[in-house]
Amino acid sequence: MPMNLSKRILSIAPSSTFGMEAKAKEMRKAGIDIVSFTVGEPDFDTPDYIKDSAIDALKKGFTKYTPASGIDELKEAISSKFKRDNNLVYDKSEVIVSCGAKHSLYNIFQAICNEGDEVIIPAPYWVSYPEQVKMSGGIPIFIDADESLSFKITPELLEKKITSKTKALVMNSPSNPTGMVYDKEELKALAEIILKYDFWVISDEVYEKLIYNGKIHYSIASFSEQIKARTLVVNAVSKTYSMTGWRLGYAAGPKAIVKAMANFQSQVTSNPTSFVQKAAITAINGPEETINKMKNEFDKRRKYIVDRVNKINGLRCIMPNGAFYAFVNILELNTPEIRKKIESEIAQTNKNFSTLFSEYLLAKANVAVVPGVDFGSDLHIRLSYATSLENIKKGIDRIEAVINKLLL
């Protein structure tokens, strides 16, 4: 019997982040020393006090079903966090807990998108935004923002993309993949446009604690009750507390939307893991000492990797102010001569130069990076500095040596 997959599934692209890391793992299994800059997760262990909380919950038998949208105690902790960190007041009925921020985002798109609705996504963007919009029947509409704009959209660029079908705008600050951070006035100006045309804004704030250079994180929902009523805020414990594999995220917004998301979640996944919810309470209510230690280490790596990249012929990178990614411009290497040389050396062709160049680095330098085309820019590659400074030094040395050979 032929395998007839749905058109919906066939239209979805796989995650390039996990795809490149999978290739790197296969090479490691073959005994090859690979330096990976691919996966966006802290290389620090989850703090012991959080792990102990989960163990305690397990020992006490907290292993059964919970309410589909999360336990009240966790929702109350999240509400307190929003008040403390973001000057946002949410009742527990306006909060939903899900299996990671990615799950929260998917719930949102499912709850608000009808067939043909348009969702505006600034590019460069996190790889899952457009795919999730398409999975929900929506149409992703992109706004290009390059280095000249510090990878940020302006009210003028936003207004040009708005149509009668516009349902939402996705904001991600600090950003994956660029590390850019919107300041207060920039967000306020965008909020005015959102209110003028009356559509949703989905604010992905999972990197809010990882900000450098004295920058401050602002949630767009915090500027007025009017913009708060049009905002769905998404966050998680994943990046902040180095709990990526624990899979717990959350969202807050108007009660009717959150209830719709909870109804959907109840039919798809039911509750997030019970004992992980207990650990999340401990994380959210706990001290920030471990966060600050992690951030300080990321800051050292950030400065090192950008400084080294900018000394390599053919590469350039603006300094990120948040998250743990360097979005490296490779435009100067995209010449017919270099492309031909790369194709001949690795016996591959690819219309996307960032993919071709990433494959070349993996084959010739034993370094794994993520091609920028999957983030909406074929002019870039993404390097995660959520790895040790020793690995970063080794990886950049290898990249530099390979590029110098290409330019001979």
Protein backbone atom coordinates (compact mmCIF):
# COMPACT_ATOMS: atom_id res chain seq x y z
CA MET A 1 0.00 0.00 0.00
CA PRO A 2 1.47 3.38 -1.00
CA MET A 3 2.35 5.81 1.78
CA ASN A 4 0.19 8.86 1.15
CA LEU A 5 1.40 11.57 3.52
CA SER A 6 -0.68 14.68 4.05
CA LYS A 7 0.10 17.80 2.04
CA ARG A 8 0.40 19.65 5.34
CA ILE A 9 3.20 17.39 6.57
CA LEU A 10 4.97 17.41 3.21
CA SER A 11 5.04 21.22 3.23
CA ILE A 12 7.00 21.42 6.47
CA ALA A 13 10.78 21.78 6.40
CA PRO A 14 12.88 19.88 8.95
CA SER A 15 14.83 21.84 11.55
CA SER A 16 18.25 22.69 10.11
CA THR A 17 19.62 23.19 13.61
CA PHE A 18 19.00 19.59 14.58
CA GLY A 19 19.86 18.42 11.06
CA MET A 20 23.41 19.79 11.18
CA GLU A 21 23.92 18.54 14.73
CA ALA A 22 22.77 15.06 13.66
CA LYS A 23 25.43 15.04 10.91
CA ALA A 24 28.03 16.17 13.44
CA LYS A 25 27.05 13.35 15.82
CA GLU A 26 27.39 10.76 13.07
CA MET A 27 30.91 12.02 12.32
CA ARG A 28 31.77 11.88 16.03
CA LYS A 29 30.62 8.24 16.12
CA ALA A 30 33.09 7.58 13.32
CA GLY A 31 35.86 8.95 15.55
CA ILE A 32 36.13 12.41 13.98
CA ASP A 33 36.83 15.35 16.29
CA ILE A 34 33.97 17.77 15.59
CA VAL A 35 33.51 21.25 17.03
CA SER A 36 29.83 22.11 17.00
CA PHE A 37 28.37 25.61 17.02
CA THR A 38 24.87 24.37 16.18
CA VAL A 39 22.59 23.67 19.12
CA GLY A 40 21.06 26.54 21.04
CA GLU A 41 21.28 25.28 24.58
CA PRO A 42 23.49 26.30 27.49
CA ASP A 43 26.41 23.94 28.08
CA PHE A 44 25.95 24.32 31.85
CA ASP A 45 24.24 21.71 33.96
CA THR A 46 20.83 22.39 35.48
CA PRO A 47 21.47 23.77 39.00
CA ASP A 48 21.37 21.13 41.72
CA TYR A 49 18.65 22.85 43.74
CA ILE A 50 16.31 22.56 40.75
CA LYS A 51 17.18 18.91 40.16
CA ASP A 52 16.67 18.21 43.86
CA SER A 53 13.20 19.71 43.64
CA ALA A 54 12.25 17.32 40.84
CA ILE A 55 13.71 14.36 42.75
CA ASP A 56 11.75 15.37 45.85
CA ALA A 57 8.53 15.56 43.80
CA LEU A 58 9.21 12.09 42.39
CA LYS A 59 9.86 10.66 45.83
CA LYS A 60 6.62 12.15 47.11
CA GLY A 61 4.72 10.50 44.28
CA PHE A 62 3.92 13.62 42.27
CA THR A 63 3.84 11.56 39.08
CA LYS A 64 0.21 11.60 38.02
CA TYR A 65 -1.83 13.73 35.62
CA THR A 66 -2.21 17.40 36.44
CA PRO A 67 -4.63 19.92 34.93
CA ALA A 68 -3.88 20.12 31.22
CA SER A 69 -2.75 23.75 31.37
CA GLY A 70 -0.51 23.30 34.44
CA ILE A 71 -0.88 23.35 38.21
CA ASP A 72 -2.09 26.46 39.98
CA GLU A 73 1.03 26.73 42.12
CA LEU A 74 3.21 27.04 39.00
CA LYS A 75 0.85 29.50 37.33
CA GLU A 76 1.00 31.65 40.46
CA ALA A 77 4.82 31.53 40.41
CA ILE A 78 4.76 32.58 36.75
CA SER A 79 2.36 35.42 37.50
CA SER A 80 4.69 36.62 40.27
CA LYS A 81 7.63 36.41 37.86
CA PHE A 82 5.81 38.57 35.30
CA LYS A 83 5.07 41.18 37.97
CA ARG A 84 8.61 41.11 39.38
CA ASP A 85 10.57 41.07 36.12
CA ASN A 86 8.29 42.64 33.53
CA ASN A 87 5.83 44.85 35.44
CA LEU A 88 2.98 42.76 34.04
CA VAL A 89 -0.03 41.65 36.06
CA TYR A 90 -1.63 38.36 35.01
CA ASP A 91 -4.16 36.27 36.85
CA LYS A 92 -3.48 32.53 36.87
CA SER A 93 -6.41 32.14 34.46
CA GLU A 94 -4.37 34.16 31.95
CA VAL A 95 -1.39 31.77 32.13
CA ILE A 96 -0.85 28.41 30.43
CA VAL A 97 2.02 25.99 30.97
CA SER A 98 3.13 23.84 28.03
CA CYS A 99 5.84 21.39 26.97
CA GLY A 100 8.38 24.07 26.08
CA ALA A 101 8.14 27.53 24.51
CA LYS A 102 7.90 25.91 21.08
CA HIS A 103 4.75 24.15 22.24
CA SER A 104 3.35 27.42 23.61
CA LEU A 105 3.94 29.11 20.27
CA TYR A 106 2.28 26.29 18.38
CA ASN A 107 -0.75 26.52 20.66
CA ILE A 108 -1.00 30.24 19.97
CA PHE A 109 -0.90 29.87 16.20
CA GLN A 110 -3.50 27.09 16.37
CA ALA A 111 -5.73 29.26 18.55
CA ILE A 112 -5.64 32.46 16.47
CA CYS A 113 -4.99 31.48 12.84
CA ASN A 114 -7.65 30.71 10.26
CA GLU A 115 -6.85 29.57 6.72
CA GLY A 116 -5.21 32.42 4.82
CA ASP A 117 -4.50 34.62 7.83
CA GLU A 118 -1.18 36.43 7.53
CA VAL A 119 1.41 36.44 10.30
CA ILE A 120 4.23 38.97 9.95
CA ILE A 121 7.67 37.61 10.84
CA PRO A 122 10.79 39.82 10.91
CA ALA A 123 13.74 38.19 9.17
CA PRO A 124 16.18 36.86 10.26
CA TYR A 125 13.85 34.68 12.34
CA TRP A 126 13.89 31.54 14.43
CA VAL A 127 13.40 28.58 12.09
CA SER A 128 10.14 27.29 13.60
CA TYR A 129 8.05 30.45 13.31
CA PRO A 130 7.11 30.19 9.62
CA GLU A 131 6.68 26.42 9.75
CA GLN A 132 4.30 26.65 12.72
CA VAL A 133 2.30 29.38 11.02
CA LYS A 134 1.91 27.18 7.93
CA MET A 135 0.94 24.21 10.09
CA SER A 136 -1.85 26.35 11.50
CA GLY A 137 -3.23 27.36 8.10
CA GLY A 138 -1.64 30.80 8.17
CA ILE A 139 0.69 32.50 5.71
CA PRO A 140 4.06 33.82 6.92
CA ILE A 141 4.85 37.32 5.67
CA PHE A 142 8.48 38.35 6.06
CA ILE A 143 10.07 41.72 6.76
CA ASP A 144 13.77 41.83 5.90
CA ALA A 145 15.98 43.59 8.44
CA ASP A 146 19.72 43.45 7.76
CA GLU A 147 22.84 44.71 9.53
CA SER A 148 22.16 48.29 8.47
CA LEU A 149 19.10 48.13 10.75
CA SER A 150 20.90 46.08 13.43
CA PHE A 151 18.51 43.29 12.36
CA LYS A 152 15.51 45.23 13.69
CA ILE A 153 12.31 46.21 11.93
CA THR A 154 10.99 49.77 11.96
CA PRO A 155 7.40 51.03 12.19
CA GLU A 156 7.64 52.04 8.53
CA LEU A 157 8.69 48.57 7.42
CA LEU A 158 5.96 46.99 9.52
CA GLU A 159 3.24 49.25 8.16
CA LYS A 160 4.15 48.34 4.57
CA LYS A 161 3.42 44.66 5.24
CA ILE A 162 0.05 45.09 6.94
CA THR A 163 -3.02 44.01 4.98
CA SER A 164 -6.65 43.22 5.74
CA LYS A 165 -5.50 39.63 6.35
CA THR A 166 -2.89 40.48 8.98
CA LYS A 167 -3.57 38.47 12.14
CA ALA A 168 -0.35 38.83 14.12
CA LEU A 169 3.24 40.01 14.35
CA VAL A 170 5.93 37.78 15.89
CA MET A 171 8.54 39.58 17.99
CA ASN A 172 11.66 37.91 19.40
CA SER A 173 13.89 40.03 21.64
CA PRO A 174 16.59 39.05 22.47
CA SER A 175 16.73 37.34 19.10
CA ASN A 176 17.62 33.90 17.88
CA PRO A 177 19.59 33.96 15.53
CA THR A 178 20.98 37.52 15.61
CA GLY A 179 21.24 38.33 19.32
CA MET A 180 19.74 41.78 18.73
CA VAL A 181 17.71 43.47 21.48
CA TYR A 182 14.97 46.05 20.91
CA ASP A 183 15.14 49.07 23.19
CA LYS A 184 12.17 50.68 24.93
CA GLU A 185 11.46 53.40 22.39
CA GLU A 186 11.71 51.01 19.44
CA LEU A 187 9.13 48.71 21.01
CA LYS A 188 6.83 51.59 21.88
CA ALA A 189 6.89 52.78 18.28
CA LEU A 190 5.98 49.29 17.04
CA ALA A 191 3.22 49.05 19.66
CA GLU A 192 1.62 52.17 18.20
CA ILE A 193 1.38 50.53 14.78
CA ILE A 194 -0.04 47.32 16.27
CA LEU A 195 -2.75 49.26 18.09
CA LYS A 196 -3.47 51.42 15.04
CA TYR A 197 -4.26 48.36 12.92
CA ASP A 198 -5.50 46.15 15.78
CA PHE A 199 -3.80 42.77 15.43
CA TRP A 200 -2.01 40.38 17.79
CA VAL A 201 1.65 40.54 18.76
CA ILE A 202 3.33 37.34 19.88
CA SER A 203 6.33 38.25 22.02
CA ASP A 204 8.91 35.46 22.37
CA GLU A 205 11.04 36.43 25.37
CA VAL A 206 12.87 33.19 26.20
CA TYR A 207 16.30 34.88 26.21
CA GLU A 208 15.27 37.82 28.40
CA LYS A 209 17.84 37.07 31.13
CA LEU A 210 20.74 36.76 28.69
CA ILE A 211 21.44 40.41 27.83
CA TYR A 212 24.80 42.20 27.77
CA ASN A 213 26.33 45.68 27.39
CA GLY A 214 24.02 47.11 30.06
CA LYS A 215 20.97 46.57 27.85
CA ILE A 216 17.58 46.13 29.52
CA HIS A 217 14.85 43.75 28.47
CA TYR A 218 11.40 45.28 27.97
CA SER A 219 8.26 43.33 27.26
CA ILE A 220 6.13 45.07 24.67
CA ALA A 221 3.06 44.13 26.73
CA SER A 222 4.20 46.34 29.61
CA PHE A 223 3.66 49.74 27.96
CA SER A 224 -0.12 50.04 28.34
CA GLU A 225 -3.25 48.05 29.07
CA GLN A 226 -4.19 48.48 25.42
CA ILE A 227 -1.09 46.79 24.02
CA LYS A 228 -1.17 44.17 26.78
CA ALA A 229 -4.67 43.21 25.60
CA ARG A 230 -3.23 42.51 22.11
CA THR A 231 -0.11 40.64 23.30
CA LEU A 232 0.67 36.99 23.96
CA VAL A 233 3.93 36.68 25.90
CA VAL A 234 5.92 33.45 25.58
CA ASN A 235 8.74 32.33 27.86
CA ALA A 236 10.33 29.18 29.27
CA VAL A 237 12.69 27.81 31.88
CA SER A 238 14.85 26.26 29.13
CA LYS A 239 17.51 28.90 28.46
CA THR A 240 17.39 30.84 31.72
CA TYR A 241 17.95 27.86 34.01
CA SER A 242 19.70 25.51 31.55
CA MET A 243 16.66 23.21 31.49
CA THR A 244 16.28 22.63 27.75
CA GLY A 245 15.57 18.90 28.01
CA TRP A 246 13.01 19.36 30.78
CA ARG A 247 10.59 20.80 28.20
CA LEU A 248 8.59 23.41 30.06
CA GLY A 249 7.42 26.72 28.65
CA TYR A 250 4.57 29.07 29.32
CA ALA A 251 2.49 31.84 27.83
CA ALA A 252 0.31 34.63 29.16
CA GLY A 253 -2.36 36.74 27.53
CA PRO A 254 -6.08 37.51 27.41
CA LYS A 255 -8.14 34.92 29.24
CA ALA A 256 -10.25 33.89 26.21
CA ILE A 257 -7.15 33.10 24.11
CA VAL A 258 -5.44 31.25 26.94
CA LYS A 259 -8.58 29.18 27.52
CA ALA A 260 -8.70 28.29 23.82
CA MET A 261 -5.04 27.25 23.95
CA ALA A 262 -5.74 25.12 27.02
CA ASN A 263 -8.65 23.39 25.26
CA PHE A 264 -6.43 22.62 22.31
CA GLN A 265 -3.58 21.40 24.50
CA SER A 266 -5.94 19.14 26.45
CA GLN A 267 -6.68 17.22 23.24
CA VAL A 268 -3.10 17.08 21.97
CA THR A 269 -0.59 16.60 24.78
CA SER A 270 -2.52 17.08 28.02
CA ASN A 271 -0.35 18.36 30.87
CA PRO A 272 3.38 19.12 30.94
CA THR A 273 5.33 16.53 32.96
CA SER A 274 4.11 16.66 36.55
CA PHE A 275 7.37 16.65 38.50
CA VAL A 276 8.98 19.08 36.03
CA GLN A 277 6.30 21.58 36.99
CA LYS A 278 7.45 21.35 40.60
CA ALA A 279 11.06 21.91 39.52
CA ALA A 280 9.98 24.91 37.46
CA ILE A 281 8.41 26.51 40.54
CA THR A 282 11.72 26.16 42.35
CA ALA A 283 13.60 27.61 39.37
CA ILE A 284 11.32 30.61 38.89
CA ASN A 285 11.14 31.42 42.60
CA GLY A 286 14.83 30.76 43.21
CA PRO A 287 17.97 32.92 43.30
CA GLU A 288 19.52 34.37 40.15
CA GLU A 289 23.12 33.70 41.12
CA THR A 290 23.49 30.78 38.72
CA ILE A 291 21.88 32.81 35.90
CA ASN A 292 24.39 35.62 36.41
CA LYS A 293 27.35 33.23 36.44
CA MET A 294 26.15 31.69 33.19
CA LYS A 295 25.55 35.10 31.63
CA ASN A 296 29.02 36.35 32.61
CA GLU A 297 30.60 33.34 30.93
CA PHE A 298 28.50 33.85 27.79
CA ASP A 299 29.59 37.48 27.74
CA LYS A 300 33.28 36.48 27.65
CA ARG A 301 32.60 34.03 24.82
CA ARG A 302 30.52 36.58 22.93
CA LYS A 303 33.33 39.12 22.90
CA TYR A 304 35.92 36.53 21.93
CA ILE A 305 33.99 34.93 19.08
CA VAL A 306 32.98 38.23 17.45
CA ASP A 307 36.49 39.65 17.76
CA ARG A 308 38.01 36.52 16.16
CA VAL A 309 35.40 36.30 13.39
CA ASN A 310 35.95 39.92 12.40
CA LYS A 311 39.66 39.25 11.94
CA ILE A 312 39.03 36.52 9.35
CA ASN A 313 39.08 37.61 5.71
CA GLY A 314 35.64 37.30 4.13
CA LEU A 315 33.68 37.24 7.40
CA ARG A 316 32.08 39.98 9.45
CA CYS A 317 29.76 40.02 12.43
CA ILE A 318 28.03 42.74 14.41
CA MET A 319 28.19 42.39 18.17
CA PRO A 320 25.05 40.69 19.57
CA ASN A 321 23.53 42.19 22.70
CA GLY A 322 21.59 39.14 23.85
CA ALA A 323 21.08 35.36 23.66
CA PHE A 324 24.15 33.27 22.74
CA TYR A 325 24.47 33.44 18.95
CA ALA A 326 26.77 35.18 16.49
CA PHE A 327 25.14 35.73 13.09
CA VAL A 328 28.11 35.84 10.75
CA ASN A 329 27.97 37.53 7.36
CA ILE A 330 29.58 35.44 4.57
CA LEU A 331 28.61 37.63 1.60
CA GLU A 332 32.22 38.39 0.60
CA LEU A 333 32.90 34.67 0.17
CA ASN A 334 29.98 34.14 -2.18
CA THR A 335 31.84 34.59 -5.45
CA PRO A 336 31.70 32.33 -8.53
CA GLU A 337 35.34 31.38 -8.00
CA ILE A 338 34.96 30.37 -4.35
CA ARG A 339 31.65 28.61 -4.98
CA LYS A 340 33.24 26.56 -7.79
CA LYS A 341 36.18 25.67 -5.58
CA ILE A 342 33.93 24.54 -2.71
CA GLU A 343 31.73 22.46 -5.01
CA SER A 344 34.74 20.72 -6.54
CA GLU A 345 36.28 19.93 -3.14
CA ILE A 346 33.20 18.41 -1.51
CA ALA A 347 31.48 17.14 -4.67
CA GLN A 348 28.25 18.96 -3.82
CA THR A 349 26.20 21.73 -5.34
CA ASN A 350 23.60 23.85 -3.65
CA LYS A 351 21.78 26.96 -4.81
CA ASN A 352 21.91 28.27 -1.22
CA PHE A 353 25.44 29.46 -0.50
CA SER A 354 25.04 29.39 3.29
CA THR A 355 24.12 25.69 3.09
CA LEU A 356 26.98 24.93 0.71
CA PHE A 357 29.45 26.80 2.90
CA SER A 358 28.17 25.08 6.07
CA GLU A 359 28.60 21.68 4.42
CA TYR A 360 32.10 22.71 3.41
CA LEU A 361 33.06 23.70 6.95
CA LEU A 362 31.77 20.38 8.26
CA ALA A 363 33.64 18.38 5.62
CA LYS A 364 36.93 20.28 5.57
CA ALA A 365 37.20 21.94 8.99
CA ASN A 366 35.22 19.43 11.07
CA VAL A 367 33.16 22.37 12.33
CA ALA A 368 29.36 22.33 12.44
CA VAL A 369 27.45 25.60 11.97
CA VAL A 370 23.88 26.35 10.91
CA PRO A 371 23.19 27.85 7.46
CA GLY A 372 21.51 31.23 7.61
CA VAL A 373 19.08 30.48 4.79
CA ASP A 374 16.87 28.62 7.25
CA PHE A 375 16.69 31.78 9.37
CA GLY A 376 15.72 33.87 6.36
CA SER A 377 19.17 35.05 5.23
CA ASP A 378 21.42 33.19 2.82
CA LEU A 379 24.12 35.80 3.54
CA HIS A 380 24.87 34.36 6.99
CA ILE A 381 25.75 31.38 9.12
CA ARG A 382 24.80 31.06 12.79
CA LEU A 383 27.36 30.16 15.44
CA SER A 384 26.17 29.33 18.94
CA TYR A 385 28.65 30.27 21.64
CA ALA A 386 26.86 28.06 24.16
CA THR A 387 29.96 25.91 24.22
CA SER A 388 33.27 26.19 26.07
CA LEU A 389 35.79 28.89 25.27
CA GLU A 390 38.25 26.10 24.49
CA ASN A 391 35.89 24.69 21.85
CA ILE A 392 35.24 28.15 20.45
CA LYS A 393 38.96 28.83 20.05
CA LYS A 394 39.53 25.47 18.37
CA GLY A 395 36.55 25.88 16.06
CA ILE A 396 37.41 29.42 14.98
CA ASP A 397 41.02 28.40 14.35
CA ARG A 398 39.77 25.67 12.02
CA ILE A 399 37.36 28.00 10.21
CA GLU A 400 40.12 30.57 9.72
CA ALA A 401 42.54 28.00 8.32
CA VAL A 402 39.99 26.65 5.82
CA ILE A 403 38.94 30.13 4.63
CA ASN A 404 42.57 31.20 4.20
CA LYS A 405 43.08 28.18 1.90
CA LEU A 406 39.94 29.09 -0.06
CA LEU A 407 41.23 32.62 -0.62
CA LEU A 408 44.66 31.54 -1.93
